[in-house]
């Protein structure tokens, strides 16, 4: 009987060790993949102390599709979550405040003229990336007189890379966290937000069929193309989605 007990105890310990090896705790993952950079002092690299001020969700987004995506690609998903939970001690990022949304007295979504539009990376097929003077209403001498009118922060994101698309005075822009925002380009107030299932890293395309306007955008990590209506809907709505299958 003692031999049987010892064998069972040894077997249990072996199984436990294998489970720990399969999914290393966050501290071990940090020591293996992160410590060599984040334990040193470098102006370009966040220190471990600064990482602890972030929320686990924010750290995980950075590993999944932020600046650390190429470094974190060999790390298993469970281990990414473990190191994010080990490091992140900050509160989860909050949703936009109620005061950020447009009020009934503000102008309605896409109610301005076509002049207030900017399609993707450039307003024309030549990809010139500048607004013609007749649309901008500016002269070269006016540029030095420009002042900041409003600013918009991407809650919880550590990077921003999607160029905005403007349709009749409404700005549509995606984020690293997968949130699509519809804002009034004049005031910066929010009409609605839509949460995609992955980062929106490029400018959205615009499809128009009479009064029906749709946005088309790519979701980076899941390899899908999605279309959504751009109406005066409080949360936006997805029309269809197509995912590219590998192999």
C-alpha atoms as a PDB file:
ATOM      1  CA  UNK A   1       0.000   0.000   0.000  1.00  0.00           C
ATOM      2  CA  UNK A   2       2.767   2.567   0.829  1.00  0.00           C
ATOM      3  CA  UNK A   3       4.287   1.901  -2.561  1.00  0.00           C
ATOM      4  CA  UNK A   4       0.928   2.586  -4.227  1.00  0.00           C
ATOM      5  CA  UNK A   5       0.475   5.834  -2.302  1.00  0.00           C
ATOM      6  CA  UNK A   6       3.959   6.983  -3.260  1.00  0.00           C
ATOM      7  CA  UNK A   7       3.340   6.108  -6.887  1.00  0.00           C
ATOM      8  CA  UNK A   8       0.087   8.076  -6.931  1.00  0.00           C
ATOM      9  CA  UNK A   9       1.734  11.040  -5.232  1.00  0.00           C
ATOM     10  CA  UNK A  10       4.596  10.973  -7.713  1.00  0.00           C
ATOM     11  CA  UNK A  11       2.158  10.707 -10.609  1.00  0.00           C
ATOM     12  CA  UNK A  12       0.162  13.684  -9.320  1.00  0.00           C
ATOM     13  CA  UNK A  13       3.280  15.775  -8.872  1.00  0.00           C
ATOM     14  CA  UNK A  14       4.406  14.866 -12.386  1.00  0.00           C
ATOM     15  CA  UNK A  15       1.022  15.885 -13.850  1.00  0.00           C
ATOM     16  CA  UNK A  16       1.128  19.162 -11.936  1.00  0.00           C
ATOM     17  CA  UNK A  17       4.630  19.898 -13.201  1.00  0.00           C
ATOM     18  CA  UNK A  18       3.562  19.160 -16.765  1.00  0.00           C
ATOM     19  CA  UNK A  19       0.572  21.487 -16.420  1.00  0.00           C
ATOM     20  CA  UNK A  20       2.793  24.274 -15.092  1.00  0.00           C
ATOM     21  CA  UNK A  21       5.261  23.725 -17.918  1.00  0.00           C
ATOM     22  CA  UNK A  22       2.476  23.825 -20.503  1.00  0.00           C
ATOM     23  CA  UNK A  23       1.202  27.206 -19.253  1.00  0.00           C
ATOM     24  CA  UNK A  24       3.961  29.069 -17.473  1.00  0.00           C
ATOM     25  CA  UNK A  25       2.835  31.600 -14.860  1.00  0.00           C
ATOM     26  CA  UNK A  26       3.036  35.264 -15.762  1.00  0.00           C
ATOM     27  CA  UNK A  27       6.263  35.895 -13.853  1.00  0.00           C
ATOM     28  CA  UNK A  28       8.061  33.147 -15.762  1.00  0.00           C
ATOM     29  CA  UNK A  29       6.740  34.419 -19.084  1.00  0.00           C
ATOM     30  CA  UNK A  30       7.913  37.917 -18.200  1.00  0.00           C
ATOM     31  CA  UNK A  31      11.390  36.664 -17.258  1.00  0.00           C
ATOM     32  CA  UNK A  32      11.702  34.712 -20.517  1.00  0.00           C
ATOM     33  CA  UNK A  33      10.360  37.200 -23.038  1.00  0.00           C
ATOM     34  CA  UNK A  34      10.144  40.659 -21.466  1.00  0.00           C
ATOM     35  CA  UNK A  35      12.663  41.275 -18.680  1.00  0.00           C
ATOM     36  CA  UNK A  36      15.713  41.752 -20.911  1.00  0.00           C
ATOM     37  CA  UNK A  37      14.161  44.938 -22.310  1.00  0.00           C
ATOM     38  CA  UNK A  38      11.708  46.230 -19.701  1.00  0.00           C
ATOM     39  CA  UNK A  39      14.030  45.777 -16.705  1.00  0.00           C
ATOM     40  CA  UNK A  40      16.544  48.208 -18.198  1.00  0.00           C
ATOM     41  CA  UNK A  41      16.350  52.000 -18.354  1.00  0.00           C
ATOM     42  CA  UNK A  42      15.794  53.262 -21.881  1.00  0.00           C
ATOM     43  CA  UNK A  43      13.764  56.294 -22.941  1.00  0.00           C
ATOM     44  CA  UNK A  44      12.210  54.294 -25.796  1.00  0.00           C
ATOM     45  CA  UNK A  45      11.125  51.314 -23.652  1.00  0.00           C
ATOM     46  CA  UNK A  46       8.435  51.436 -20.926  1.00  0.00           C
ATOM     47  CA  UNK A  47       9.833  50.251 -17.597  1.00  0.00           C
ATOM     48  CA  UNK A  48       8.276  47.451 -15.621  1.00  0.00           C
ATOM     49  CA  UNK A  49       6.978  50.049 -13.168  1.00  0.00           C
ATOM     50  CA  UNK A  50       5.141  51.903 -15.921  1.00  0.00           C
ATOM     51  CA  UNK A  51       3.658  48.642 -17.239  1.00  0.00           C
ATOM     52  CA  UNK A  52       2.139  47.913 -13.832  1.00  0.00           C
ATOM     53  CA  UNK A  53       0.114  51.142 -14.136  1.00  0.00           C
ATOM     54  CA  UNK A  54      -1.688  49.764 -17.197  1.00  0.00           C
ATOM     55  CA  UNK A  55      -4.699  47.470 -17.106  1.00  0.00           C
ATOM     56  CA  UNK A  56      -4.269  43.792 -18.088  1.00  0.00           C
ATOM     57  CA  UNK A  57      -6.611  44.375 -21.040  1.00  0.00           C
ATOM     58  CA  UNK A  58      -4.461  47.200 -22.370  1.00  0.00           C
ATOM     59  CA  UNK A  59      -1.260  45.153 -22.096  1.00  0.00           C
ATOM     60  CA  UNK A  60      -2.945  42.226 -23.853  1.00  0.00           C
ATOM     61  CA  UNK A  61      -4.086  44.468 -26.725  1.00  0.00           C
ATOM     62  CA  UNK A  62      -0.515  45.679 -27.159  1.00  0.00           C
ATOM     63  CA  UNK A  63       0.717  42.087 -27.355  1.00  0.00           C
ATOM     64  CA  UNK A  64      -2.069  40.960 -29.692  1.00  0.00           C
ATOM     65  CA  UNK A  65      -2.055  43.766 -32.249  1.00  0.00           C
ATOM     66  CA  UNK A  66      -0.061  46.709 -30.965  1.00  0.00           C
ATOM     67  CA  UNK A  67       3.605  47.622 -31.143  1.00  0.00           C
ATOM     68  CA  UNK A  68       4.631  44.347 -29.500  1.00  0.00           C
ATOM     69  CA  UNK A  69       2.719  42.097 -31.901  1.00  0.00           C
ATOM     70  CA  UNK A  70       5.817  40.902 -33.794  1.00  0.00           C
ATOM     71  CA  UNK A  71       7.688  40.200 -30.546  1.00  0.00           C
ATOM     72  CA  UNK A  72       4.743  38.420 -28.931  1.00  0.00           C
ATOM     73  CA  UNK A  73       3.818  36.240 -31.922  1.00  0.00           C
ATOM     74  CA  UNK A  74       5.747  33.159 -30.632  1.00  0.00           C
ATOM     75  CA  UNK A  75       4.061  33.407 -27.201  1.00  0.00           C
ATOM     76  CA  UNK A  76       1.005  31.192 -26.685  1.00  0.00           C
ATOM     77  CA  UNK A  77      -2.283  32.979 -26.025  1.00  0.00           C
ATOM     78  CA  UNK A  78      -2.609  31.592 -22.476  1.00  0.00           C
ATOM     79  CA  UNK A  79       0.877  32.851 -21.665  1.00  0.00           C
ATOM     80  CA  UNK A  80       0.099  36.309 -23.068  1.00  0.00           C
ATOM     81  CA  UNK A  81      -2.910  36.501 -20.782  1.00  0.00           C
ATOM     82  CA  UNK A  82      -0.799  35.290 -17.854  1.00  0.00           C
ATOM     83  CA  UNK A  83       1.894  37.928 -18.286  1.00  0.00           C
ATOM     84  CA  UNK A  84      -0.726  40.647 -18.839  1.00  0.00           C
ATOM     85  CA  UNK A  85      -2.454  39.698 -15.588  1.00  0.00           C
ATOM     86  CA  UNK A  86       0.893  39.467 -13.807  1.00  0.00           C
ATOM     87  CA  UNK A  87       2.018  42.942 -14.889  1.00  0.00           C
ATOM     88  CA  UNK A  88      -1.166  44.975 -15.180  1.00  0.00           C
ATOM     89  CA  UNK A  89      -2.409  46.453 -11.921  1.00  0.00           C
ATOM     90  CA  UNK A  90      -4.225  49.483 -13.312  1.00  0.00           C
ATOM     91  CA  UNK A  91      -7.976  49.814 -13.686  1.00  0.00           C
ATOM     92  CA  UNK A  92      -9.671  48.736 -16.878  1.00  0.00           C
ATOM     93  CA  UNK A  93     -10.173  51.490 -19.414  1.00  0.00           C
ATOM     94  CA  UNK A  94     -13.508  53.245 -19.263  1.00  0.00           C
ATOM     95  CA  UNK A  95     -15.995  53.820 -22.068  1.00  0.00           C
ATOM     96  CA  UNK A  96     -16.508  57.343 -23.446  1.00  0.00           C
ATOM     97  CA  UNK A  97     -18.245  59.670 -21.033  1.00  0.00           C
ATOM     98  CA  UNK A  98     -21.836  60.649 -21.714  1.00  0.00           C
ATOM     99  CA  UNK A  99     -20.620  64.220 -22.224  1.00  0.00           C
ATOM    100  CA  UNK A 100     -18.543  63.064 -25.235  1.00  0.00           C
ATOM    101  CA  UNK A 101     -21.649  62.222 -27.279  1.00  0.00           C
ATOM    102  CA  UNK A 102     -23.462  64.662 -29.526  1.00  0.00           C
ATOM    103  CA  UNK A 103     -26.533  66.401 -28.155  1.00  0.00           C
ATOM    104  CA  UNK A 104     -29.889  66.788 -29.937  1.00  0.00           C
ATOM    105  CA  UNK A 105     -29.010  70.417 -30.701  1.00  0.00           C
ATOM    106  CA  UNK A 106     -25.798  69.404 -32.541  1.00  0.00           C
ATOM    107  CA  UNK A 107     -25.899  68.891 -36.281  1.00  0.00           C
ATOM    108  CA  UNK A 108     -27.172  65.535 -37.457  1.00  0.00           C
ATOM    109  CA  UNK A 109     -24.913  62.753 -38.709  1.00  0.00           C
ATOM    110  CA  UNK A 110     -23.758  63.180 -42.335  1.00  0.00           C
ATOM    111  CA  UNK A 111     -25.862  66.328 -42.700  1.00  0.00           C
ATOM    112  CA  UNK A 112     -23.143  68.563 -44.190  1.00  0.00           C
ATOM    113  CA  UNK A 113     -22.460  68.893 -47.900  1.00  0.00           C
ATOM    114  CA  UNK A 114     -20.198  66.686 -50.008  1.00  0.00           C
ATOM    115  CA  UNK A 115     -17.501  69.363 -49.737  1.00  0.00           C
ATOM    116  CA  UNK A 116     -16.827  68.182 -46.168  1.00  0.00           C
ATOM    117  CA  UNK A 117     -15.635  64.742 -47.245  1.00  0.00           C
ATOM    118  CA  UNK A 118     -12.325  62.883 -47.319  1.00  0.00           C
ATOM    119  CA  UNK A 119     -12.236  59.348 -48.665  1.00  0.00           C
ATOM    120  CA  UNK A 120      -9.625  57.165 -47.023  1.00  0.00           C
ATOM    121  CA  UNK A 121      -5.999  58.060 -47.604  1.00  0.00           C
ATOM    122  CA  UNK A 122      -6.760  60.650 -50.285  1.00  0.00           C
ATOM    123  CA  UNK A 123      -9.802  62.490 -51.629  1.00  0.00           C
ATOM    124  CA  UNK A 124      -9.022  61.530 -55.234  1.00  0.00           C
ATOM    125  CA  UNK A 125      -7.849  58.537 -57.240  1.00  0.00           C
ATOM    126  CA  UNK A 126      -4.426  60.143 -57.806  1.00  0.00           C
ATOM    127  CA  UNK A 127      -3.654  59.656 -54.072  1.00  0.00           C
ATOM    128  CA  UNK A 128      -2.378  63.233 -53.741  1.00  0.00           C
ATOM    129  CA  UNK A 129      -3.287  63.286 -50.019  1.00  0.00           C
ATOM    130  CA  UNK A 130      -4.199  66.942 -49.880  1.00  0.00           C
ATOM    131  CA  UNK A 131      -7.466  68.837 -50.022  1.00  0.00           C
ATOM    132  CA  UNK A 132      -7.882  71.121 -53.058  1.00  0.00           C
ATOM    133  CA  UNK A 133      -8.082  74.819 -52.174  1.00  0.00           C
ATOM    134  CA  UNK A 134     -11.670  75.071 -53.381  1.00  0.00           C
ATOM    135  CA  UNK A 135     -12.676  72.449 -50.815  1.00  0.00           C
ATOM    136  CA  UNK A 136     -10.335  73.470 -48.008  1.00  0.00           C
ATOM    137  CA  UNK A 137     -11.181  77.189 -48.164  1.00  0.00           C
ATOM    138  CA  UNK A 138      -7.592  77.979 -47.204  1.00  0.00           C
ATOM    139  CA  UNK A 139      -4.605  79.717 -48.720  1.00  0.00           C
ATOM    140  CA  UNK A 140      -0.955  78.969 -48.008  1.00  0.00           C
ATOM    141  CA  UNK A 141      -0.715  82.181 -45.977  1.00  0.00           C
ATOM    142  CA  UNK A 142      -3.475  80.948 -43.656  1.00  0.00           C
ATOM    143  CA  UNK A 143      -1.636  77.831 -42.472  1.00  0.00           C
ATOM    144  CA  UNK A 144       0.390  79.624 -39.804  1.00  0.00           C
ATOM    145  CA  UNK A 145      -2.802  80.980 -38.256  1.00  0.00           C
ATOM    146  CA  UNK A 146      -4.445  77.606 -37.676  1.00  0.00           C
ATOM    147  CA  UNK A 147      -5.171  76.575 -34.084  1.00  0.00           C
ATOM    148  CA  UNK A 148      -6.239  73.296 -32.492  1.00  0.00           C
ATOM    149  CA  UNK A 149     -10.042  73.099 -32.417  1.00  0.00           C
ATOM    150  CA  UNK A 150     -10.607  69.726 -30.746  1.00  0.00           C
ATOM    151  CA  UNK A 151      -8.783  66.493 -29.913  1.00  0.00           C
ATOM    152  CA  UNK A 152     -10.017  62.917 -29.521  1.00  0.00           C
ATOM    153  CA  UNK A 153      -8.359  60.231 -27.400  1.00  0.00           C
ATOM    154  CA  UNK A 154      -8.566  56.515 -28.264  1.00  0.00           C
ATOM    155  CA  UNK A 155      -9.478  55.077 -24.870  1.00  0.00           C
ATOM    156  CA  UNK A 156      -7.231  52.187 -23.837  1.00  0.00           C
ATOM    157  CA  UNK A 157      -5.105  52.201 -26.994  1.00  0.00           C
ATOM    158  CA  UNK A 158      -1.334  52.602 -27.052  1.00  0.00           C
ATOM    159  CA  UNK A 159      -1.082  53.380 -30.761  1.00  0.00           C
ATOM    160  CA  UNK A 160      -3.224  54.818 -33.554  1.00  0.00           C
ATOM    161  CA  UNK A 161      -2.685  54.001 -37.204  1.00  0.00           C
ATOM    162  CA  UNK A 162      -6.008  54.228 -39.107  1.00  0.00           C
ATOM    163  CA  UNK A 163      -6.506  57.304 -41.258  1.00  0.00           C
ATOM    164  CA  UNK A 164      -9.981  58.842 -40.921  1.00  0.00           C
ATOM    165  CA  UNK A 165     -12.678  58.796 -43.562  1.00  0.00           C
ATOM    166  CA  UNK A 166     -15.052  61.782 -43.657  1.00  0.00           C
ATOM    167  CA  UNK A 167     -18.482  61.611 -45.294  1.00  0.00           C
ATOM    168  CA  UNK A 168     -20.582  64.791 -45.446  1.00  0.00           C
ATOM    169  CA  UNK A 169     -19.040  66.239 -42.299  1.00  0.00           C
ATOM    170  CA  UNK A 170     -18.958  63.005 -40.261  1.00  0.00           C
ATOM    171  CA  UNK A 171     -15.626  61.385 -39.458  1.00  0.00           C
ATOM    172  CA  UNK A 172     -15.389  57.593 -39.282  1.00  0.00           C
ATOM    173  CA  UNK A 173     -12.177  56.186 -37.821  1.00  0.00           C
ATOM    174  CA  UNK A 174     -11.122  52.790 -36.483  1.00  0.00           C
ATOM    175  CA  UNK A 175      -8.771  52.006 -33.618  1.00  0.00           C
ATOM    176  CA  UNK A 176      -6.226  49.442 -32.460  1.00  0.00           C
ATOM    177  CA  UNK A 177      -8.778  48.194 -29.948  1.00  0.00           C
ATOM    178  CA  UNK A 178     -11.276  47.518 -32.734  1.00  0.00           C
ATOM    179  CA  UNK A 179     -13.631  50.396 -31.968  1.00  0.00           C
ATOM    180  CA  UNK A 180     -15.103  52.285 -34.925  1.00  0.00           C
ATOM    181  CA  UNK A 181     -16.076  55.827 -33.998  1.00  0.00           C
ATOM    182  CA  UNK A 182     -18.465  58.197 -35.788  1.00  0.00           C
ATOM    183  CA  UNK A 183     -17.668  61.807 -34.875  1.00  0.00           C
ATOM    184  CA  UNK A 184     -18.804  65.227 -35.971  1.00  0.00           C
ATOM    185  CA  UNK A 185     -15.767  66.579 -37.828  1.00  0.00           C
ATOM    186  CA  UNK A 186     -16.710  70.119 -36.822  1.00  0.00           C
ATOM    187  CA  UNK A 187     -17.042  69.691 -33.053  1.00  0.00           C
ATOM    188  CA  UNK A 188     -15.512  66.269 -32.287  1.00  0.00           C
ATOM    189  CA  UNK A 189     -18.611  64.976 -30.493  1.00  0.00           C
ATOM    190  CA  UNK A 190     -19.453  61.268 -30.836  1.00  0.00           C
ATOM    191  CA  UNK A 191     -22.506  60.026 -32.719  1.00  0.00           C
ATOM    192  CA  UNK A 192     -21.926  56.354 -31.983  1.00  0.00           C
ATOM    193  CA  UNK A 193     -19.278  53.655 -31.539  1.00  0.00           C
ATOM    194  CA  UNK A 194     -19.146  50.111 -32.905  1.00  0.00           C
ATOM    195  CA  UNK A 195     -16.960  47.336 -31.459  1.00  0.00           C
ATOM    196  CA  UNK A 196     -15.372  45.045 -34.062  1.00  0.00           C
ATOM    197  CA  UNK A 197     -13.685  41.755 -33.117  1.00  0.00           C
ATOM    198  CA  UNK A 198     -10.169  42.929 -33.988  1.00  0.00           C
ATOM    199  CA  UNK A 199      -8.073  46.006 -34.792  1.00  0.00           C
ATOM    200  CA  UNK A 200      -9.132  48.336 -37.611  1.00  0.00           C
ATOM    201  CA  UNK A 201      -5.760  49.467 -38.939  1.00  0.00           C
ATOM    202  CA  UNK A 202      -6.565  51.162 -42.250  1.00  0.00           C
ATOM    203  CA  UNK A 203      -8.845  53.861 -43.568  1.00  0.00           C
ATOM    204  CA  UNK A 204     -12.382  52.693 -44.293  1.00  0.00           C
ATOM    205  CA  UNK A 205     -13.783  52.602 -47.785  1.00  0.00           C
ATOM    206  CA  UNK A 206     -17.143  54.179 -48.609  1.00  0.00           C
ATOM    207  CA  UNK A 207     -19.846  52.575 -50.727  1.00  0.00           C
ATOM    208  CA  UNK A 208     -22.830  54.680 -51.775  1.00  0.00           C
ATOM    209  CA  UNK A 209     -26.060  53.451 -53.367  1.00  0.00           C
ATOM    210  CA  UNK A 210     -28.298  56.492 -53.498  1.00  0.00           C
ATOM    211  CA  UNK A 211     -29.133  57.506 -49.937  1.00  0.00           C
ATOM    212  CA  UNK A 212     -27.644  54.255 -48.586  1.00  0.00           C
ATOM    213  CA  UNK A 213     -24.050  54.700 -47.421  1.00  0.00           C
ATOM    214  CA  UNK A 214     -21.899  51.823 -46.133  1.00  0.00           C
ATOM    215  CA  UNK A 215     -18.396  51.622 -44.665  1.00  0.00           C
ATOM    216  CA  UNK A 216     -16.079  48.768 -45.621  1.00  0.00           C
ATOM    217  CA  UNK A 217     -13.066  47.952 -43.482  1.00  0.00           C
ATOM    218  CA  UNK A 218     -10.623  45.157 -42.733  1.00  0.00           C
ATOM    219  CA  UNK A 219     -10.150  43.571 -39.324  1.00  0.00           C
ATOM    220  CA  UNK A 220      -6.450  42.812 -39.069  1.00  0.00           C
ATOM    221  CA  UNK A 221      -5.951  39.800 -36.792  1.00  0.00           C
ATOM    222  CA  UNK A 222      -8.923  37.728 -37.955  1.00  0.00           C
ATOM    223  CA  UNK A 223      -8.411  38.453 -41.660  1.00  0.00           C
ATOM    224  CA  UNK A 224     -12.014  39.517 -42.303  1.00  0.00           C
ATOM    225  CA  UNK A 225     -13.634  42.262 -44.366  1.00  0.00           C
ATOM    226  CA  UNK A 226     -16.719  43.845 -42.841  1.00  0.00           C
ATOM    227  CA  UNK A 227     -19.373  46.229 -44.087  1.00  0.00           C
ATOM    228  CA  UNK A 228     -21.597  48.351 -41.890  1.00  0.00           C
ATOM    229  CA  UNK A 229     -24.266  50.941 -42.441  1.00  0.00           C
ATOM    230  CA  UNK A 230     -23.418  54.534 -41.582  1.00  0.00           C
ATOM    231  CA  UNK A 231     -26.835  55.764 -40.447  1.00  0.00           C
ATOM    232  CA  UNK A 232     -27.966  57.811 -37.492  1.00  0.00           C
ATOM    233  CA  UNK A 233     -27.952  54.600 -35.455  1.00  0.00           C
ATOM    234  CA  UNK A 234     -26.760  54.888 -31.826  1.00  0.00           C
ATOM    235  CA  UNK A 235     -24.306  51.989 -32.088  1.00  0.00           C
ATOM    236  CA  UNK A 236     -23.763  51.336 -35.785  1.00  0.00           C
ATOM    237  CA  UNK A 237     -24.741  48.011 -37.340  1.00  0.00           C
ATOM    238  CA  UNK A 238     -22.770  45.391 -39.251  1.00  0.00           C
ATOM    239  CA  UNK A 239     -24.267  44.456 -42.634  1.00  0.00           C
ATOM    240  CA  UNK A 240     -22.017  41.551 -43.598  1.00  0.00           C
ATOM    241  CA  UNK A 241     -18.612  40.025 -42.924  1.00  0.00           C
ATOM    242  CA  UNK A 242     -16.324  37.833 -45.024  1.00  0.00           C
ATOM    243  CA  UNK A 243     -13.338  35.978 -43.578  1.00  0.00           C
ATOM    244  CA  UNK A 244     -10.423  34.803 -45.693  1.00  0.00           C
ATOM    245  CA  UNK A 245      -9.697  31.139 -45.139  1.00  0.00           C
ATOM    246  CA  UNK A 246      -6.096  30.020 -45.392  1.00  0.00           C
ATOM    247  CA  UNK A 247      -5.071  26.864 -47.210  1.00  0.00           C
END
